[in-house]
Amino acid sequence: MTSDMEKFRKEIKGWLIFFIVSLFLSGITAFPVETELRWVCSWCPEQYSPFYKWLNTCYLAVKNTNEQYPYLAYGYDWLAFAHIVIAIAFIGPLKDPVKNIWIIEFGCIACILIIPLAFIAGYIRQIPVFWRLIDCSFGIIGIIPLLICHRRIKQLEKAIA
């Protein structure tokens, strides 16, 4: 194996591990959402800021919903599960990046689709614009390591041929 191929594989592996861990962590944070929101609200220094007001409103909504309709939190469990399962899918490119480049492309498409979803569903659900932008940032940040991997996989493919 040439040094370029080794370099490409190592870089692909590093970015994919970062992406997998990030996706996994973002998934497991959906399980304790009420606890997390309570913690963030208690920590927030500016309790009159629009950001705090939004977080506190979300916390109260989740808390009240969990008290009255705990089965609705099951949706958060499935959200967490979906993140974890999608993270697992990226093990394929870890094993064979060239053969599984389609998973990287799938991830890029998903990252791009976050933006219209955030703005369309966010508008319908009356989510503040600043929060929609935060949601969009996950797609923007997520696509960066995937695009780097995609470029390196294409270079690896050429080096193999």
N, C-alpha and C. Protein backbone atom coordinates (compact mmCIF):
# COMPACT_ATOMS: atom_id res chain seq x y z
N MET A 1 0.86 -1.17 0.00
CA MET A 1 0.00 0.00 0.00
C MET A 1 0.90 1.24 0.00
N THR A 2 0.61 2.16 -0.89
CA THR A 2 1.43 3.36 -0.97
C THR A 2 1.18 4.26 0.22
N SER A 3 2.11 5.19 0.43
CA SER A 3 1.95 6.10 1.57
C SER A 3 0.74 7.01 1.38
N ASP A 4 0.41 7.39 0.13
CA ASP A 4 -0.79 8.20 -0.11
C ASP A 4 -2.05 7.44 0.28
N MET A 5 -2.12 6.18 -0.10
CA MET A 5 -3.29 5.37 0.23
C MET A 5 -3.43 5.24 1.75
N GLU A 6 -2.32 5.02 2.44
CA GLU A 6 -2.35 4.91 3.89
C GLU A 6 -2.82 6.23 4.51
N LYS A 7 -2.32 7.33 3.96
CA LYS A 7 -2.70 8.66 4.45
C LYS A 7 -4.19 8.89 4.25
N PHE A 8 -4.70 8.55 3.06
CA PHE A 8 -6.13 8.73 2.77
C PHE A 8 -6.98 7.88 3.71
N ARG A 9 -6.61 6.61 3.89
CA ARG A 9 -7.37 5.72 4.78
C ARG A 9 -7.38 6.25 6.22
N LYS A 10 -6.23 6.72 6.68
CA LYS A 10 -6.13 7.23 8.04
C LYS A 10 -7.00 8.47 8.22
N GLU A 11 -6.97 9.37 7.25
CA GLU A 11 -7.78 10.59 7.34
C GLU A 11 -9.28 10.26 7.27
N ILE A 12 -9.65 9.37 6.37
CA ILE A 12 -11.06 8.94 6.26
C ILE A 12 -11.51 8.35 7.59
N LYS A 13 -10.68 7.47 8.15
CA LYS A 13 -11.03 6.82 9.42
C LYS A 13 -11.21 7.85 10.54
N GLY A 14 -10.31 8.80 10.63
CA GLY A 14 -10.40 9.81 11.68
C GLY A 14 -11.67 10.65 11.58
N TRP A 15 -11.98 11.11 10.36
CA TRP A 15 -13.19 11.93 10.18
C TRP A 15 -14.45 11.10 10.41
N LEU A 16 -14.44 9.85 9.98
CA LEU A 16 -15.62 9.00 10.18
C LEU A 16 -15.84 8.69 11.66
N ILE A 17 -14.78 8.45 12.39
CA ILE A 17 -14.92 8.21 13.82
C ILE A 17 -15.48 9.45 14.51
N PHE A 18 -14.98 10.62 14.13
CA PHE A 18 -15.52 11.88 14.67
C PHE A 18 -17.01 12.00 14.36
N PHE A 19 -17.39 11.71 13.11
CA PHE A 19 -18.79 11.82 12.70
C PHE A 19 -19.67 10.82 13.44
N ILE A 20 -19.21 9.58 13.54
CA ILE A 20 -19.98 8.52 14.21
C ILE A 20 -20.19 8.87 15.68
N VAL A 21 -19.13 9.28 16.35
CA VAL A 21 -19.23 9.63 17.77
C VAL A 21 -20.17 10.82 17.96
N SER A 22 -20.05 11.83 17.10
CA SER A 22 -20.92 13.01 17.20
C SER A 22 -22.39 12.63 17.00
N LEU A 23 -22.66 11.81 16.00
CA LEU A 23 -24.03 11.37 15.73
C LEU A 23 -24.57 10.53 16.88
N PHE A 24 -23.74 9.64 17.39
CA PHE A 24 -24.14 8.81 18.53
C PHE A 24 -24.45 9.68 19.76
N LEU A 25 -23.56 10.63 20.06
CA LEU A 25 -23.77 11.49 21.23
C LEU A 25 -25.02 12.36 21.07
N SER A 26 -25.23 12.87 19.86
CA SER A 26 -26.44 13.68 19.65
C SER A 26 -27.69 12.82 19.80
N GLY A 27 -27.57 11.54 19.49
CA GLY A 27 -28.70 10.63 19.67
C GLY A 27 -29.01 10.35 21.12
N ILE A 28 -27.98 10.01 21.88
CA ILE A 28 -28.26 9.64 23.28
C ILE A 28 -28.72 10.84 24.11
N THR A 29 -28.45 12.06 23.64
CA THR A 29 -28.94 13.22 24.40
C THR A 29 -30.45 13.38 24.27
N ALA A 30 -31.08 12.67 23.35
CA ALA A 30 -32.53 12.76 23.22
C ALA A 30 -33.25 12.00 24.34
N PHE A 31 -32.58 11.02 24.95
CA PHE A 31 -33.22 10.26 26.02
C PHE A 31 -33.56 11.13 27.23
N PRO A 32 -32.58 11.86 27.80
CA PRO A 32 -32.87 12.63 29.02
C PRO A 32 -33.20 14.11 28.74
N VAL A 33 -34.00 14.39 27.73
CA VAL A 33 -34.21 15.77 27.30
C VAL A 33 -34.76 16.66 28.41
N GLU A 34 -35.67 16.16 29.23
CA GLU A 34 -36.22 16.99 30.30
C GLU A 34 -35.13 17.38 31.30
N THR A 35 -34.34 16.41 31.71
CA THR A 35 -33.25 16.68 32.65
C THR A 35 -32.25 17.66 32.06
N GLU A 36 -31.91 17.46 30.79
CA GLU A 36 -30.95 18.36 30.14
C GLU A 36 -31.49 19.79 30.06
N LEU A 37 -32.74 19.94 29.68
CA LEU A 37 -33.32 21.28 29.60
C LEU A 37 -33.37 21.95 30.97
N ARG A 38 -33.71 21.19 31.99
CA ARG A 38 -33.73 21.74 33.36
C ARG A 38 -32.33 22.22 33.74
N TRP A 39 -31.33 21.41 33.44
CA TRP A 39 -29.95 21.77 33.77
C TRP A 39 -29.51 23.02 33.01
N VAL A 40 -29.78 23.08 31.71
CA VAL A 40 -29.37 24.24 30.92
C VAL A 40 -30.08 25.50 31.41
N CYS A 41 -31.36 25.40 31.72
CA CYS A 41 -32.10 26.57 32.23
C CYS A 41 -31.55 27.04 33.57
N SER A 42 -31.15 26.12 34.42
CA SER A 42 -30.60 26.52 35.73
C SER A 42 -29.22 27.13 35.59
N TRP A 43 -28.53 26.81 34.52
CA TRP A 43 -27.17 27.27 34.28
C TRP A 43 -27.15 28.61 33.55
N CYS A 44 -28.17 28.90 32.76
CA CYS A 44 -28.20 30.07 31.89
C CYS A 44 -28.14 31.37 32.71
N PRO A 45 -27.13 32.20 32.51
CA PRO A 45 -26.97 33.41 33.33
C PRO A 45 -27.96 34.53 32.99
N GLU A 46 -28.38 34.63 31.76
CA GLU A 46 -29.27 35.73 31.35
C GLU A 46 -30.70 35.22 31.23
N GLN A 47 -31.43 35.28 32.34
CA GLN A 47 -32.76 34.70 32.38
C GLN A 47 -33.82 35.57 31.70
N TYR A 48 -33.43 36.71 31.18
CA TYR A 48 -34.39 37.55 30.46
C TYR A 48 -34.10 37.58 28.96
N SER A 49 -33.12 36.81 28.53
CA SER A 49 -32.78 36.78 27.11
C SER A 49 -33.80 35.95 26.34
N PRO A 50 -33.97 36.24 25.05
CA PRO A 50 -34.88 35.42 24.23
C PRO A 50 -34.47 33.95 24.22
N PHE A 51 -33.18 33.68 24.26
CA PHE A 51 -32.68 32.30 24.26
C PHE A 51 -33.15 31.58 25.52
N TYR A 52 -32.99 32.21 26.67
CA TYR A 52 -33.44 31.59 27.92
C TYR A 52 -34.94 31.38 27.92
N LYS A 53 -35.67 32.40 27.49
CA LYS A 53 -37.14 32.30 27.47
C LYS A 53 -37.58 31.12 26.61
N TRP A 54 -36.93 30.95 25.46
CA TRP A 54 -37.27 29.84 24.58
C TRP A 54 -36.94 28.50 25.24
N LEU A 55 -35.75 28.38 25.81
CA LEU A 55 -35.36 27.13 26.47
C LEU A 55 -36.29 26.82 27.64
N ASN A 56 -36.62 27.83 28.42
CA ASN A 56 -37.51 27.60 29.57
C ASN A 56 -38.91 27.19 29.12
N THR A 57 -39.39 27.81 28.05
CA THR A 57 -40.68 27.41 27.48
C THR A 57 -40.64 25.95 27.04
N CYS A 58 -39.55 25.57 26.38
CA CYS A 58 -39.40 24.17 25.94
C CYS A 58 -39.34 23.24 27.14
N TYR A 59 -38.58 23.63 28.16
CA TYR A 59 -38.48 22.80 29.35
C TYR A 59 -39.85 22.58 29.99
N LEU A 60 -40.60 23.67 30.17
CA LEU A 60 -41.92 23.55 30.80
C LEU A 60 -42.86 22.69 29.95
N ALA A 61 -42.77 22.84 28.63
CA ALA A 61 -43.61 22.03 27.74
C ALA A 61 -43.27 20.54 27.87
N VAL A 62 -41.98 20.23 27.86
CA VAL A 62 -41.56 18.82 27.99
C VAL A 62 -41.93 18.29 29.36
N LYS A 63 -41.67 19.07 30.40
CA LYS A 63 -41.98 18.64 31.77
C LYS A 63 -43.48 18.37 31.93
N ASN A 64 -44.30 19.32 31.49
CA ASN A 64 -45.76 19.15 31.62
C ASN A 64 -46.27 17.98 30.78
N THR A 65 -45.72 17.85 29.59
CA THR A 65 -46.12 16.73 28.72
C THR A 65 -45.74 15.40 29.35
N ASN A 66 -44.51 15.33 29.88
CA ASN A 66 -44.06 14.08 30.52
C ASN A 66 -44.91 13.73 31.74
N GLU A 67 -45.36 14.75 32.46
CA GLU A 67 -46.20 14.49 33.63
C GLU A 67 -47.59 14.00 33.22
N GLN A 68 -48.16 14.61 32.18
CA GLN A 68 -49.52 14.29 31.79
C GLN A 68 -49.61 13.18 30.74
N TYR A 69 -48.64 13.13 29.85
CA TYR A 69 -48.68 12.18 28.74
C TYR A 69 -47.28 11.57 28.55
N PRO A 70 -46.82 10.77 29.48
CA PRO A 70 -45.44 10.26 29.42
C PRO A 70 -45.14 9.43 28.17
N TYR A 71 -46.15 8.83 27.60
CA TYR A 71 -45.93 8.00 26.42
C TYR A 71 -45.49 8.81 25.20
N LEU A 72 -45.72 10.12 25.19
CA LEU A 72 -45.26 10.94 24.07
C LEU A 72 -43.73 11.04 24.03
N ALA A 73 -43.09 10.89 25.18
CA ALA A 73 -41.62 10.91 25.23
C ALA A 73 -41.02 9.73 24.49
N TYR A 74 -41.83 8.74 24.21
CA TYR A 74 -41.39 7.58 23.42
C TYR A 74 -40.86 8.04 22.05
N GLY A 75 -41.40 9.14 21.55
CA GLY A 75 -40.90 9.71 20.29
C GLY A 75 -39.45 10.13 20.40
N TYR A 76 -39.05 10.67 21.55
CA TYR A 76 -37.64 11.02 21.78
C TYR A 76 -36.78 9.77 21.82
N ASP A 77 -37.32 8.68 22.37
CA ASP A 77 -36.58 7.43 22.40
C ASP A 77 -36.29 6.94 20.98
N TRP A 78 -37.30 7.05 20.12
CA TRP A 78 -37.11 6.63 18.73
C TRP A 78 -36.17 7.57 17.99
N LEU A 79 -36.22 8.86 18.32
CA LEU A 79 -35.28 9.81 17.73
C LEU A 79 -33.85 9.42 18.10
N ALA A 80 -33.64 9.11 19.37
CA ALA A 80 -32.31 8.69 19.83
C ALA A 80 -31.88 7.41 19.11
N PHE A 81 -32.79 6.46 19.04
CA PHE A 81 -32.50 5.19 18.37
C PHE A 81 -32.11 5.41 16.91
N ALA A 82 -32.83 6.29 16.22
CA ALA A 82 -32.52 6.55 14.80
C ALA A 82 -31.12 7.13 14.65
N HIS A 83 -30.74 8.04 15.52
CA HIS A 83 -29.38 8.59 15.46
C HIS A 83 -28.34 7.50 15.65
N ILE A 84 -28.58 6.63 16.61
CA ILE A 84 -27.63 5.55 16.90
C ILE A 84 -27.53 4.59 15.72
N VAL A 85 -28.66 4.22 15.13
CA VAL A 85 -28.66 3.30 13.99
C VAL A 85 -27.96 3.94 12.78
N ILE A 86 -28.22 5.21 12.53
CA ILE A 86 -27.56 5.88 11.42
C ILE A 86 -26.05 5.95 11.67
N ALA A 87 -25.66 6.20 12.91
CA ALA A 87 -24.22 6.21 13.24
C ALA A 87 -23.60 4.85 12.94
N ILE A 88 -24.31 3.79 13.26
CA ILE A 88 -23.80 2.44 13.00
C ILE A 88 -23.60 2.21 11.51
N ALA A 89 -24.47 2.78 10.68
CA ALA A 89 -24.34 2.61 9.23
C ALA A 89 -22.99 3.11 8.71
N PHE A 90 -22.42 4.09 9.39
CA PHE A 90 -21.15 4.66 8.94
C PHE A 90 -19.95 3.78 9.28
N ILE A 91 -20.20 2.64 9.91
CA ILE A 91 -19.13 1.66 10.12
C ILE A 91 -18.75 1.04 8.77
N GLY A 92 -19.73 0.96 7.85
CA GLY A 92 -19.45 0.42 6.51
C GLY A 92 -18.30 1.13 5.83
N PRO A 93 -18.33 2.45 5.72
CA PRO A 93 -17.19 3.15 5.11
C PRO A 93 -15.90 3.03 5.92
N LEU A 94 -16.00 2.79 7.21
CA LEU A 94 -14.78 2.55 7.99
C LEU A 94 -14.09 1.28 7.51
N LYS A 95 -14.90 0.26 7.23
CA LYS A 95 -14.35 -1.03 6.81
C LYS A 95 -13.87 -0.99 5.36
N ASP A 96 -14.69 -0.45 4.48
CA ASP A 96 -14.34 -0.39 3.06
C ASP A 96 -14.88 0.91 2.48
N PRO A 97 -14.09 1.98 2.54
CA PRO A 97 -14.58 3.29 2.13
C PRO A 97 -15.00 3.36 0.66
N VAL A 98 -14.24 2.74 -0.22
CA VAL A 98 -14.55 2.84 -1.65
C VAL A 98 -15.87 2.13 -1.95
N LYS A 99 -16.04 0.94 -1.44
CA LYS A 99 -17.26 0.16 -1.68
C LYS A 99 -18.49 0.84 -1.06
N ASN A 100 -18.30 1.51 0.08
CA ASN A 100 -19.42 2.08 0.83
C ASN A 100 -19.50 3.60 0.73
N ILE A 101 -18.99 4.18 -0.35
CA ILE A 101 -19.05 5.63 -0.52
C ILE A 101 -20.49 6.12 -0.56
N TRP A 102 -21.39 5.26 -0.97
CA TRP A 102 -22.81 5.64 -1.03
C TRP A 102 -23.35 6.05 0.34
N ILE A 103 -22.80 5.48 1.40
CA ILE A 103 -23.25 5.86 2.75
C ILE A 103 -22.81 7.30 3.06
N ILE A 104 -21.64 7.66 2.61
CA ILE A 104 -21.16 9.04 2.76
C ILE A 104 -22.08 9.98 1.98
N GLU A 105 -22.43 9.58 0.76
CA GLU A 105 -23.32 10.41 -0.07
C GLU A 105 -24.71 10.51 0.57
N PHE A 106 -25.20 9.43 1.12
CA PHE A 106 -26.47 9.45 1.86
C PHE A 106 -26.40 10.45 3.01
N GLY A 107 -25.30 10.42 3.76
CA GLY A 107 -25.12 11.35 4.87
C GLY A 107 -25.08 12.80 4.41
N CYS A 108 -24.43 13.06 3.27
CA CYS A 108 -24.38 14.43 2.73
C CYS A 108 -25.79 14.90 2.36
N ILE A 109 -26.54 14.03 1.73
CA ILE A 109 -27.92 14.39 1.36
C ILE A 109 -28.74 14.68 2.61
N ALA A 110 -28.60 13.85 3.64
CA ALA A 110 -29.33 14.07 4.89
C ALA A 110 -28.94 15.41 5.51
N CYS A 111 -27.66 15.74 5.49
CA CYS A 111 -27.20 17.02 6.05
C CYS A 111 -27.80 18.20 5.28
N ILE A 112 -27.88 18.08 3.97
CA ILE A 112 -28.46 19.16 3.15
C ILE A 112 -29.95 19.29 3.44
N LEU A 113 -30.64 18.16 3.60
CA LEU A 113 -32.09 18.18 3.83
C LEU A 113 -32.48 18.74 5.20
N ILE A 114 -31.51 18.84 6.10
CA ILE A 114 -31.81 19.44 7.41
C ILE A 114 -32.28 20.88 7.23
N ILE A 115 -31.69 21.58 6.28
CA ILE A 115 -31.98 23.02 6.11
C ILE A 115 -33.43 23.26 5.69
N PRO A 116 -33.94 22.66 4.61
CA PRO A 116 -35.35 22.91 4.30
C PRO A 116 -36.29 22.37 5.38
N LEU A 117 -35.94 21.24 5.99
CA LEU A 117 -36.80 20.72 7.06
C LEU A 117 -36.88 21.71 8.21
N ALA A 118 -35.75 22.25 8.62
CA ALA A 118 -35.74 23.20 9.74
C ALA A 118 -36.59 24.43 9.43
N PHE A 119 -36.50 24.92 8.20
CA PHE A 119 -37.25 26.13 7.88
C PHE A 119 -38.73 25.87 7.60
N ILE A 120 -39.05 24.76 6.96
CA ILE A 120 -40.46 24.46 6.68
C ILE A 120 -41.18 23.99 7.94
N ALA A 121 -40.67 22.93 8.55
CA ALA A 121 -41.32 22.40 9.76
C ALA A 121 -41.19 23.40 10.91
N GLY A 122 -40.06 24.09 10.97
CA GLY A 122 -39.87 25.09 12.02
C GLY A 122 -40.89 26.21 11.93
N TYR A 123 -41.19 26.62 10.71
CA TYR A 123 -42.21 27.66 10.51
C TYR A 123 -43.59 27.14 10.94
N ILE A 124 -43.92 25.94 10.48
CA ILE A 124 -45.22 25.35 10.81
C ILE A 124 -45.37 25.17 12.32
N ARG A 125 -44.30 24.76 12.99
CA ARG A 125 -44.34 24.49 14.43
C ARG A 125 -44.03 25.73 15.28
N GLN A 126 -43.87 26.87 14.62
CA GLN A 126 -43.61 28.16 15.30
C GLN A 126 -42.31 28.15 16.10
N ILE A 127 -41.28 27.54 15.53
CA ILE A 127 -39.95 27.52 16.14
C ILE A 127 -39.28 28.85 15.79
N PRO A 128 -38.70 29.54 16.77
CA PRO A 128 -38.03 30.82 16.46
C PRO A 128 -36.92 30.64 15.42
N VAL A 129 -36.72 31.67 14.62
CA VAL A 129 -35.72 31.61 13.54
C VAL A 129 -34.33 31.29 14.10
N PHE A 130 -33.95 31.91 15.24
CA PHE A 130 -32.62 31.65 15.78
C PHE A 130 -32.43 30.17 16.10
N TRP A 131 -33.50 29.49 16.53
CA TRP A 131 -33.38 28.06 16.83
C TRP A 131 -33.33 27.24 15.54
N ARG A 132 -34.04 27.67 14.52
CA ARG A 132 -33.96 26.98 13.23
C ARG A 132 -32.54 27.07 12.68
N LEU A 133 -31.90 28.21 12.88
CA LEU A 133 -30.51 28.38 12.42
C LEU A 133 -29.57 27.45 13.19
N ILE A 134 -29.84 27.27 14.47
CA ILE A 134 -29.04 26.32 15.26
C ILE A 134 -29.22 24.91 14.69
N ASP A 135 -30.46 24.54 14.39
CA ASP A 135 -30.72 23.23 13.79
C ASP A 135 -30.00 23.08 12.46
N CYS A 136 -30.03 24.12 11.64
CA CYS A 136 -29.34 24.09 10.34
C CYS A 136 -27.85 23.90 10.51
N SER A 137 -27.30 24.45 11.61
CA SER A 137 -25.85 24.33 11.81
C SER A 137 -25.41 22.87 11.94
N PHE A 138 -26.30 22.00 12.42
CA PHE A 138 -25.94 20.59 12.52
C PHE A 138 -25.70 19.99 11.13
N GLY A 139 -26.51 20.39 10.17
CA GLY A 139 -26.31 19.92 8.81
C GLY A 139 -25.05 20.49 8.19
N ILE A 140 -24.81 21.76 8.45
CA ILE A 140 -23.63 22.42 7.90
C ILE A 140 -22.36 21.84 8.51
N ILE A 141 -22.36 21.68 9.82
CA ILE A 141 -21.18 21.11 10.50
C ILE A 141 -21.01 19.64 10.11
N GLY A 142 -22.13 18.92 10.03
CA GLY A 142 -22.06 17.49 9.72
C GLY A 142 -21.55 17.19 8.32
N ILE A 143 -21.86 18.06 7.38
CA ILE A 143 -21.47 17.78 5.99
C ILE A 143 -19.97 17.98 5.77
N ILE A 144 -19.33 18.78 6.62
CA ILE A 144 -17.90 19.06 6.43
C ILE A 144 -17.05 17.79 6.50
N PRO A 145 -17.12 17.00 7.58
CA PRO A 145 -16.31 15.78 7.58
C PRO A 145 -16.71 14.79 6.50
N LEU A 146 -18.00 14.78 6.16
CA LEU A 146 -18.45 13.85 5.11
C LEU A 146 -17.89 14.24 3.74
N LEU A 147 -17.86 15.53 3.44
CA LEU A 147 -17.29 15.98 2.17
C LEU A 147 -15.79 15.72 2.11
N ILE A 148 -15.12 15.91 3.25
CA ILE A 148 -13.69 15.58 3.30
C ILE A 148 -13.49 14.10 3.03
N CYS A 149 -14.30 13.26 3.68
CA CYS A 149 -14.21 11.81 3.45
C CYS A 149 -14.50 11.46 2.00
N HIS A 150 -15.51 12.08 1.44
CA HIS A 150 -15.88 11.80 0.05
C HIS A 150 -14.71 12.11 -0.88
N ARG A 151 -14.10 13.27 -0.68
CA ARG A 151 -12.96 13.66 -1.53
C ARG A 151 -11.80 12.67 -1.36
N ARG A 152 -11.52 12.31 -0.11
CA ARG A 152 -10.42 11.36 0.14
C ARG A 152 -10.74 9.96 -0.41
N ILE A 153 -11.98 9.55 -0.32
CA ILE A 153 -12.35 8.23 -0.87
C ILE A 153 -12.16 8.23 -2.39
N LYS A 154 -12.54 9.31 -3.05
CA LYS A 154 -12.32 9.40 -4.51
C LYS A 154 -10.83 9.35 -4.83
N GLN A 155 -10.01 10.01 -4.01
CA GLN A 155 -8.55 9.96 -4.22
C GLN A 155 -8.02 8.56 -3.96
N LEU A 156 -8.54 7.90 -2.94
CA LEU A 156 -8.15 6.52 -2.64
C LEU A 156 -8.52 5.60 -3.78
N GLU A 157 -9.72 5.81 -4.32
CA GLU A 157 -10.20 4.99 -5.45
C GLU A 157 -9.26 5.13 -6.64
N LYS A 158 -8.82 6.35 -6.93
CA LYS A 158 -7.87 6.57 -8.04
C LYS A 158 -6.53 5.92 -7.75
N ALA A 159 -6.08 5.99 -6.50
CA ALA A 159 -4.80 5.41 -6.12
C ALA A 159 -4.83 3.88 -6.23
N ILE A 160 -6.00 3.29 -5.97
CA ILE A 160 -6.14 1.84 -6.04
C ILE A 160 -6.12 1.38 -7.50
N ALA A 161 -6.78 2.17 -8.36
CA ALA A 161 -6.94 1.78 -9.77
C ALA A 161 -5.65 1.77 -10.54
